[in-house]
Amino acid sequence: METNKTLQLLESHPLTVKMREEQAAEILAVRQAAFESMVLSKDEAGRQAEKIQQKIDKAMEALEAKKAALASAKSAVLTLQA
């Protein structure tokens, strides 16, 4: 019984309360930093995806230009053969 009273006094002691508040603040700061890191990672992934998409778009444009040039050359050959 005496142990319970001692524990209750210890739990309610101002230093214990202060230590718990500081610990909670530290945990909150770590969680906030982790969240911000995750958000930054997502933003960076978005930027990388955008760059990749731009490269894909340029490659597709080049491919379309080559297809058009090939079709034009094919048409010219058919015209010459006729």
PDB file of N, CA and C in Angstrom:
ATOM      1  N   MET A   1       0.817  -1.190   0.000  1.00  0.00           N
ATOM      2  CA  MET A   1       0.000   0.000   0.000  1.00  0.00           C
ATOM      3  C   MET A   1       0.866   1.261   0.000  1.00  0.00           C
ATOM      4  N   GLU A   2       1.937   1.200   0.778  1.00  0.00           N
ATOM      5  CA  GLU A   2       2.855   2.334   0.859  1.00  0.00           C
ATOM      6  C   GLU A   2       3.511   2.591  -0.506  1.00  0.00           C
ATOM      7  N   THR A   3       3.754   1.532  -1.253  1.00  0.00           N
ATOM      8  CA  THR A   3       4.359   1.657  -2.573  1.00  0.00           C
ATOM      9  C   THR A   3       3.442   2.420  -3.512  1.00  0.00           C
ATOM     10  N   ASN A   4       2.148   2.157  -3.453  1.00  0.00           N
ATOM     11  CA  ASN A   4       1.183   2.856  -4.299  1.00  0.00           C
ATOM     12  C   ASN A   4       1.161   4.346  -3.997  1.00  0.00           C
ATOM     13  N   LYS A   5       1.198   4.698  -2.715  1.00  0.00           N
ATOM     14  CA  LYS A   5       1.204   6.114  -2.343  1.00  0.00           C
ATOM     15  C   LYS A   5       2.476   6.788  -2.852  1.00  0.00           C
ATOM     16  N   THR A   6       3.593   6.088  -2.723  1.00  0.00           N
ATOM     17  CA  THR A   6       4.863   6.634  -3.196  1.00  0.00           C
ATOM     18  C   THR A   6       4.816   6.841  -4.706  1.00  0.00           C
ATOM     19  N   LEU A   7       4.281   5.861  -5.422  1.00  0.00           N
ATOM     20  CA  LEU A   7       4.159   5.983  -6.872  1.00  0.00           C
ATOM     21  C   LEU A   7       3.238   7.133  -7.258  1.00  0.00           C
ATOM     22  N   GLN A   8       2.145   7.286  -6.533  1.00  0.00           N
ATOM     23  CA  GLN A   8       1.211   8.383  -6.830  1.00  0.00           C
ATOM     24  C   GLN A   8       1.874   9.733  -6.595  1.00  0.00           C
ATOM     25  N   LEU A   9       2.624   9.840  -5.501  1.00  0.00           N
ATOM     26  CA  LEU A   9       3.333  11.093  -5.223  1.00  0.00           C
ATOM     27  C   LEU A   9       4.376  11.366  -6.304  1.00  0.00           C
ATOM     28  N   LEU A  10       5.083  10.319  -6.699  1.00  0.00           N
ATOM     29  CA  LEU A  10       6.100  10.471  -7.730  1.00  0.00           C
ATOM     30  C   LEU A  10       5.471  10.879  -9.061  1.00  0.00           C
ATOM     31  N   GLU A  11       4.349  10.268  -9.416  1.00  0.00           N
ATOM     32  CA  GLU A  11       3.671  10.585 -10.673  1.00  0.00           C
ATOM     33  C   GLU A  11       3.174  12.026 -10.706  1.00  0.00           C
ATOM     34  N   SER A  12       2.738  12.528  -9.584  1.00  0.00           N
ATOM     35  CA  SER A  12       2.179  13.879  -9.557  1.00  0.00           C
ATOM     36  C   SER A  12       3.224  14.950  -9.229  1.00  0.00           C
ATOM     37  N   HIS A  13       4.445  14.549  -8.986  1.00  0.00           N
ATOM     38  CA  HIS A  13       5.502  15.506  -8.658  1.00  0.00           C
ATOM     39  C   HIS A  13       5.748  16.413  -9.864  1.00  0.00           C
ATOM     40  N   PRO A  14       5.957  17.720  -9.641  1.00  0.00           N
ATOM     41  CA  PRO A  14       6.159  18.663 -10.741  1.00  0.00           C
ATOM     42  C   PRO A  14       7.304  18.284 -11.688  1.00  0.00           C
ATOM     43  N   LEU A  15       8.382  17.731 -11.161  1.00  0.00           N
ATOM     44  CA  LEU A  15       9.486  17.331 -12.040  1.00  0.00           C
ATOM     45  C   LEU A  15       9.076  16.180 -12.956  1.00  0.00           C
ATOM     46  N   THR A  16       8.290  15.242 -12.417  1.00  0.00           N
ATOM     47  CA  THR A  16       7.810  14.130 -13.240  1.00  0.00           C
ATOM     48  C   THR A  16       6.880  14.646 -14.321  1.00  0.00           C
ATOM     49  N   VAL A  17       5.994  15.549 -13.957  1.00  0.00           N
ATOM     50  CA  VAL A  17       5.062  16.131 -14.923  1.00  0.00           C
ATOM     51  C   VAL A  17       5.837  16.880 -16.000  1.00  0.00           C
ATOM     52  N   LYS A  18       6.831  17.657 -15.577  1.00  0.00           N
ATOM     53  CA  LYS A  18       7.640  18.418 -16.533  1.00  0.00           C
ATOM     54  C   LYS A  18       8.395  17.482 -17.476  1.00  0.00           C
ATOM     55  N   MET A  19       8.966  16.408 -16.925  1.00  0.00           N
ATOM     56  CA  MET A  19       9.695  15.454 -17.763  1.00  0.00           C
ATOM     57  C   MET A  19       8.759  14.808 -18.782  1.00  0.00           C
ATOM     58  N   ARG A  20       7.557  14.489 -18.369  1.00  0.00           N
ATOM     59  CA  ARG A  20       6.590  13.893 -19.301  1.00  0.00           C
ATOM     60  C   ARG A  20       6.210  14.884 -20.396  1.00  0.00           C
ATOM     61  N   GLU A  21       6.016  16.139 -20.025  1.00  0.00           N
ATOM     62  CA  GLU A  21       5.687  17.162 -21.024  1.00  0.00           C
ATOM     63  C   GLU A  21       6.832  17.329 -22.021  1.00  0.00           C
ATOM     64  N   GLU A  22       8.064  17.336 -21.513  1.00  0.00           N
ATOM     65  CA  GLU A  22       9.226  17.458 -22.399  1.00  0.00           C
ATOM     66  C   GLU A  22       9.335  16.250 -23.323  1.00  0.00           C
ATOM     67  N   GLN A  23       9.086  15.066 -22.768  1.00  0.00           N
ATOM     68  CA  GLN A  23       9.141  13.848 -23.575  1.00  0.00           C
ATOM     69  C   GLN A  23       8.058  13.883 -24.654  1.00  0.00           C
ATOM     70  N   ALA A  24       6.867  14.329 -24.284  1.00  0.00           N
ATOM     71  CA  ALA A  24       5.782  14.425 -25.266  1.00  0.00           C
ATOM     72  C   ALA A  24       6.137  15.429 -26.363  1.00  0.00           C
ATOM     73  N   ALA A  25       6.756  16.541 -25.978  1.00  0.00           N
ATOM     74  CA  ALA A  25       7.163  17.545 -26.965  1.00  0.00           C
ATOM     75  C   ALA A  25       8.230  16.980 -27.907  1.00  0.00           C
ATOM     76  N   GLU A  26       9.164  16.205 -27.363  1.00  0.00           N
ATOM     77  CA  GLU A  26      10.201  15.588 -28.200  1.00  0.00           C
ATOM     78  C   GLU A  26       9.591  14.588 -29.176  1.00  0.00           C
ATOM     79  N   ILE A  27       8.661  13.779 -28.686  1.00  0.00           N
ATOM     80  CA  ILE A  27       7.992  12.801 -29.553  1.00  0.00           C
ATOM     81  C   ILE A  27       7.230  13.520 -30.653  1.00  0.00           C
ATOM     82  N   LEU A  28       6.538  14.586 -30.288  1.00  0.00           N
ATOM     83  CA  LEU A  28       5.796  15.364 -31.276  1.00  0.00           C
ATOM     84  C   LEU A  28       6.740  15.962 -32.320  1.00  0.00           C
ATOM     85  N   ALA A  29       7.884  16.466 -31.884  1.00  0.00           N
ATOM     86  CA  ALA A  29       8.855  17.047 -32.817  1.00  0.00           C
ATOM     87  C   ALA A  29       9.390  15.987 -33.782  1.00  0.00           C
ATOM     88  N   VAL A  30       9.654  14.796 -33.271  1.00  0.00           N
ATOM     89  CA  VAL A  30      10.144  13.713 -34.133  1.00  0.00           C
ATOM     90  C   VAL A  30       9.074  13.318 -35.137  1.00  0.00           C
ATOM     91  N   ARG A  31       7.835  13.208 -34.677  1.00  0.00           N
ATOM     92  CA  ARG A  31       6.739  12.856 -35.586  1.00  0.00           C
ATOM     93  C   ARG A  31       6.548  13.927 -36.655  1.00  0.00           C
ATOM     94  N   GLN A  32       6.633  15.184 -36.256  1.00  0.00           N
ATOM     95  CA  GLN A  32       6.481  16.283 -37.207  1.00  0.00           C
ATOM     96  C   GLN A  32       7.597  16.248 -38.249  1.00  0.00           C
ATOM     97  N   ALA A  33       8.823  16.008 -37.789  1.00  0.00           N
ATOM     98  CA  ALA A  33       9.961  15.931 -38.713  1.00  0.00           C
ATOM     99  C   ALA A  33       9.790  14.759 -39.674  1.00  0.00           C
ATOM    100  N   ALA A  34       9.315  13.635 -39.168  1.00  0.00           N
ATOM    101  CA  ALA A  34       9.094  12.470 -40.032  1.00  0.00           C
ATOM    102  C   ALA A  34       8.023  12.774 -41.067  1.00  0.00           C
ATOM    103  N   PHE A  35       6.959  13.444 -40.633  1.00  0.00           N
ATOM    104  CA  PHE A  35       5.884  13.801 -41.558  1.00  0.00           C
ATOM    105  C   PHE A  35       6.395  14.752 -42.636  1.00  0.00           C
ATOM    106  N   GLU A  36       7.144  15.776 -42.222  1.00  0.00           N
ATOM    107  CA  GLU A  36       7.692  16.732 -43.184  1.00  0.00           C
ATOM    108  C   GLU A  36       8.637  16.041 -44.158  1.00  0.00           C
ATOM    109  N   SER A  37       9.426  15.103 -43.663  1.00  0.00           N
ATOM    110  CA  SER A  37      10.327  14.352 -44.534  1.00  0.00           C
ATOM    111  C   SER A  37       9.537  13.551 -45.553  1.00  0.00           C
ATOM    112  N   MET A  38       8.440  12.945 -45.107  1.00  0.00           N
ATOM    113  CA  MET A  38       7.605  12.166 -46.012  1.00  0.00           C
ATOM    114  C   MET A  38       6.985  13.067 -47.072  1.00  0.00           C
ATOM    115  N   VAL A  39       6.515  14.240 -46.658  1.00  0.00           N
ATOM    116  CA  VAL A  39       5.912  15.179 -47.606  1.00  0.00           C
ATOM    117  C   VAL A  39       6.952  15.638 -48.618  1.00  0.00           C
ATOM    118  N   LEU A  40       8.150  15.954 -48.130  1.00  0.00           N
ATOM    119  CA  LEU A  40       9.216  16.370 -49.041  1.00  0.00           C
ATOM    120  C   LEU A  40       9.559  15.244 -50.006  1.00  0.00           C
ATOM    121  N   SER A  41       9.576  14.015 -49.501  1.00  0.00           N
ATOM    122  CA  SER A  41       9.871  12.877 -50.371  1.00  0.00           C
ATOM    123  C   SER A  41       8.817  12.750 -51.453  1.00  0.00           C
ATOM    124  N   LYS A  42       7.559  12.949 -51.080  1.00  0.00           N
ATOM    125  CA  LYS A  42       6.487  12.874 -52.069  1.00  0.00           C
ATOM    126  C   LYS A  42       6.618  14.005 -53.084  1.00  0.00           C
ATOM    127  N   ASP A  43       6.957  15.193 -52.604  1.00  0.00           N
ATOM    128  CA  ASP A  43       7.149  16.325 -53.514  1.00  0.00           C
ATOM    129  C   ASP A  43       8.295  16.043 -54.474  1.00  0.00           C
ATOM    130  N   GLU A  44       9.390  15.518 -53.937  1.00  0.00           N
ATOM    131  CA  GLU A  44      10.544  15.202 -54.781  1.00  0.00           C
ATOM    132  C   GLU A  44      10.176  14.114 -55.783  1.00  0.00           C
ATOM    133  N   ALA A  45       9.437  13.121 -55.340  1.00  0.00           N
ATOM    134  CA  ALA A  45       9.001  12.061 -56.256  1.00  0.00           C
ATOM    135  C   ALA A  45       8.120  12.647 -57.354  1.00  0.00           C
ATOM    136  N   GLY A  46       7.277  13.597 -56.986  1.00  0.00           N
ATOM    137  CA  GLY A  46       6.429  14.260 -57.979  1.00  0.00           C
ATOM    138  C   GLY A  46       7.251  15.024 -59.000  1.00  0.00           C
ATOM    139  N   ARG A  47       8.288  15.712 -58.515  1.00  0.00           N
ATOM    140  CA  ARG A  47       9.157  16.461 -59.435  1.00  0.00           C
ATOM    141  C   ARG A  47       9.899  15.500 -60.368  1.00  0.00           C
ATOM    142  N   GLN A  48      10.378  14.404 -59.816  1.00  0.00           N
ATOM    143  CA  GLN A  48      11.081  13.423 -60.644  1.00  0.00           C
ATOM    144  C   GLN A  48      10.137  12.812 -61.671  1.00  0.00           C
ATOM    145  N   ALA A  49       8.914  12.515 -61.249  1.00  0.00           N
ATOM    146  CA  ALA A  49       7.932  11.950 -62.181  1.00  0.00           C
ATOM    147  C   ALA A  49       7.626  12.944 -63.296  1.00  0.00           C
ATOM    148  N   GLU A  50       7.552  14.223 -62.949  1.00  0.00           N
ATOM    149  CA  GLU A  50       7.289  15.254 -63.957  1.00  0.00           C
ATOM    150  C   GLU A  50       8.439  15.329 -64.970  1.00  0.00           C
ATOM    151  N   LYS A  51       9.674  15.253 -64.473  1.00  0.00           N
ATOM    152  CA  LYS A  51      10.832  15.276 -65.376  1.00  0.00           C
ATOM    153  C   LYS A  51      10.815  14.060 -66.301  1.00  0.00           C
ATOM    154  N   ILE A  52      10.508  12.909 -65.737  1.00  0.00           N
ATOM    155  CA  ILE A  52      10.449  11.687 -66.547  1.00  0.00           C
ATOM    156  C   ILE A  52       9.353  11.805 -67.590  1.00  0.00           C
ATOM    157  N   GLN A  53       8.201  12.348 -67.188  1.00  0.00           N
ATOM    158  CA  GLN A  53       7.097  12.509 -68.139  1.00  0.00           C
ATOM    159  C   GLN A  53       7.489  13.453 -69.268  1.00  0.00           C
ATOM    160  N   GLN A  54       8.226  14.509 -68.952  1.00  0.00           N
ATOM    161  CA  GLN A  54       8.692  15.430 -69.992  1.00  0.00           C
ATOM    162  C   GLN A  54       9.623  14.718 -70.971  1.00  0.00           C
ATOM    163  N   LYS A  55      10.505  13.864 -70.446  1.00  0.00           N
ATOM    164  CA  LYS A  55      11.401  13.102 -71.322  1.00  0.00           C
ATOM    165  C   LYS A  55      10.597  12.156 -72.209  1.00  0.00           C
ATOM    166  N   ILE A  56       9.590  11.521 -71.623  1.00  0.00           N
ATOM    167  CA  ILE A  56       8.737  10.618 -72.408  1.00  0.00           C
ATOM    168  C   ILE A  56       8.015  11.395 -73.500  1.00  0.00           C
ATOM    169  N   ASP A  57       7.480  12.559 -73.141  1.00  0.00           N
ATOM    170  CA  ASP A  57       6.776  13.384 -74.131  1.00  0.00           C
ATOM    171  C   ASP A  57       7.701  13.783 -75.280  1.00  0.00           C
ATOM    172  N   LYS A  58       8.930  14.186 -74.956  1.00  0.00           N
ATOM    173  CA  LYS A  58       9.894  14.564 -75.998  1.00  0.00           C
ATOM    174  C   LYS A  58      10.225  13.365 -76.881  1.00  0.00           C
ATOM    175  N   ALA A  59      10.405  12.209 -76.263  1.00  0.00           N
ATOM    176  CA  ALA A  59      10.712  11.006 -77.038  1.00  0.00           C
ATOM    177  C   ALA A  59       9.541  10.645 -77.952  1.00  0.00           C
ATOM    178  N   MET A  60       8.318  10.797 -77.455  1.00  0.00           N
ATOM    179  CA  MET A  60       7.139  10.504 -78.273  1.00  0.00           C
ATOM    180  C   MET A  60       7.041  11.485 -79.437  1.00  0.00           C
ATOM    181  N   GLU A  61       7.333  12.762 -79.189  1.00  0.00           N
ATOM    182  CA  GLU A  61       7.322  13.754 -80.266  1.00  0.00           C
ATOM    183  C   GLU A  61       8.364  13.403 -81.327  1.00  0.00           C
ATOM    184  N   ALA A  62       9.545  13.005 -80.880  1.00  0.00           N
ATOM    185  CA  ALA A  62      10.602  12.618 -81.822  1.00  0.00           C
ATOM    186  C   ALA A  62      10.173  11.391 -82.619  1.00  0.00           C
ATOM    187  N   LEU A  63       9.530  10.448 -81.947  1.00  0.00           N
ATOM    188  CA  LEU A  63       9.053   9.249 -82.631  1.00  0.00           C
ATOM    189  C   LEU A  63       7.990   9.597 -83.667  1.00  0.00           C
ATOM    190  N   GLU A  64       7.075  10.478 -83.298  1.00  0.00           N
ATOM    191  CA  GLU A  64       6.040  10.908 -84.245  1.00  0.00           C
ATOM    192  C   GLU A  64       6.665  11.617 -85.447  1.00  0.00           C
ATOM    193  N   ALA A  65       7.688  12.435 -85.197  1.00  0.00           N
ATOM    194  CA  ALA A  65       8.373  13.131 -86.297  1.00  0.00           C
ATOM    195  C   ALA A  65       9.056  12.118 -87.215  1.00  0.00           C
ATOM    196  N   LYS A  66       9.676  11.095 -86.621  1.00  0.00           N
ATOM    197  CA  LYS A  66      10.322  10.061 -87.436  1.00  0.00           C
ATOM    198  C   LYS A  66       9.287   9.274 -88.230  1.00  0.00           C
ATOM    199  N   LYS A  67       8.143   8.986 -87.618  1.00  0.00           N
ATOM    200  CA  LYS A  67       7.086   8.270 -88.331  1.00  0.00           C
ATOM    201  C   LYS A  67       6.568   9.102 -89.503  1.00  0.00           C
ATOM    202  N   ALA A  68       6.423  10.410 -89.274  1.00  0.00           N
ATOM    203  CA  ALA A  68       5.955  11.299 -90.343  1.00  0.00           C
ATOM    204  C   ALA A  68       6.988  11.363 -91.468  1.00  0.00           C
ATOM    205  N   ALA A  69       8.265  11.441 -91.106  1.00  0.00           N
ATOM    206  CA  ALA A  69       9.326  11.481 -92.117  1.00  0.00           C
ATOM    207  C   ALA A  69       9.361  10.174 -92.901  1.00  0.00           C
ATOM    208  N   LEU A  70       9.177   9.068 -92.207  1.00  0.00           N
ATOM    209  CA  LEU A  70       9.156   7.770 -92.878  1.00  0.00           C
ATOM    210  C   LEU A  70       7.961   7.656 -93.820  1.00  0.00           C
ATOM    211  N   ALA A  71       6.811   8.124 -93.375  1.00  0.00           N
ATOM    212  CA  ALA A  71       5.618   8.098 -94.232  1.00  0.00           C
ATOM    213  C   ALA A  71       5.827   8.977 -95.459  1.00  0.00           C
ATOM    214  N   SER A  72       6.455  10.127 -95.268  1.00  0.00           N
ATOM    215  CA  SER A  72       6.730  11.033 -96.384  1.00  0.00           C
ATOM    216  C   SER A  72       7.702  10.389 -97.369  1.00  0.00           C
ATOM    217  N   ALA A  73       8.736   9.755 -96.838  1.00  0.00           N
ATOM    218  CA  ALA A  73       9.710   9.088 -97.707  1.00  0.00           C
ATOM    219  C   ALA A  73       9.053   7.935 -98.451  1.00  0.00           C
ATOM    220  N   LYS A  74       8.218   7.193 -97.752  1.00  0.00           N
ATOM    221  CA  LYS A  74       7.513   6.077 -98.391  1.00  0.00           C
ATOM    222  C   LYS A  74       6.610   6.585 -99.517  1.00  0.00           C
ATOM    223  N   SER A  75       5.929   7.692 -99.254  1.00  0.00           N
ATOM    224  CA  SER A  75       5.059   8.292-100.267  1.00  0.00           C
ATOM    225  C   SER A  75       5.872   8.746-101.472  1.00  0.00           C
ATOM    226  N   ALA A  76       7.036   9.336-101.202  1.00  0.00           N
ATOM    227  CA  ALA A  76       7.902   9.800-102.296  1.00  0.00           C
ATOM    228  C   ALA A  76       8.387   8.625-103.135  1.00  0.00           C
ATOM    229  N   VAL A  77       8.748   7.532-102.482  1.00  0.00           N
ATOM    230  CA  VAL A  77       9.199   6.344-103.210  1.00  0.00           C
ATOM    231  C   VAL A  77       8.069   5.793-104.064  1.00  0.00           C
ATOM    232  N   LEU A  78       6.871   5.723-103.502  1.00  0.00           N
ATOM    233  CA  LEU A  78       5.719   5.222-104.262  1.00  0.00           C
ATOM    234  C   LEU A  78       5.412   6.126-105.450  1.00  0.00           C
ATOM    235  N   THR A  79       5.577   7.431-105.255  1.00  0.00           N
ATOM    236  CA  THR A  79       5.333   8.379-106.349  1.00  0.00           C
ATOM    237  C   THR A  79       6.358   8.173-107.456  1.00  0.00           C
ATOM    238  N   LEU A  80       7.614   7.976-107.081  1.00  0.00           N
ATOM    239  CA  LEU A  80       8.671   7.757-108.075  1.00  0.00           C
ATOM    240  C   LEU A  80       8.479   6.436-108.816  1.00  0.00           C
ATOM    241  N   GLN A  81       7.967   5.456-108.127  1.00  0.00           N
ATOM    242  CA  GLN A  81       7.753   4.155-108.756  1.00  0.00           C
ATOM    243  C   GLN A  81       6.575   4.183-109.725  1.00  0.00           C
ATOM    244  N   ALA A  82       5.666   5.063-109.504  1.00  0.00           N
ATOM    245  CA  ALA A  82       4.461   5.101-110.346  1.00  0.00           C
ATOM    246  C   ALA A  82       4.686   5.713-111.672  1.00  0.00           C
TER     247      ALA A  82
END
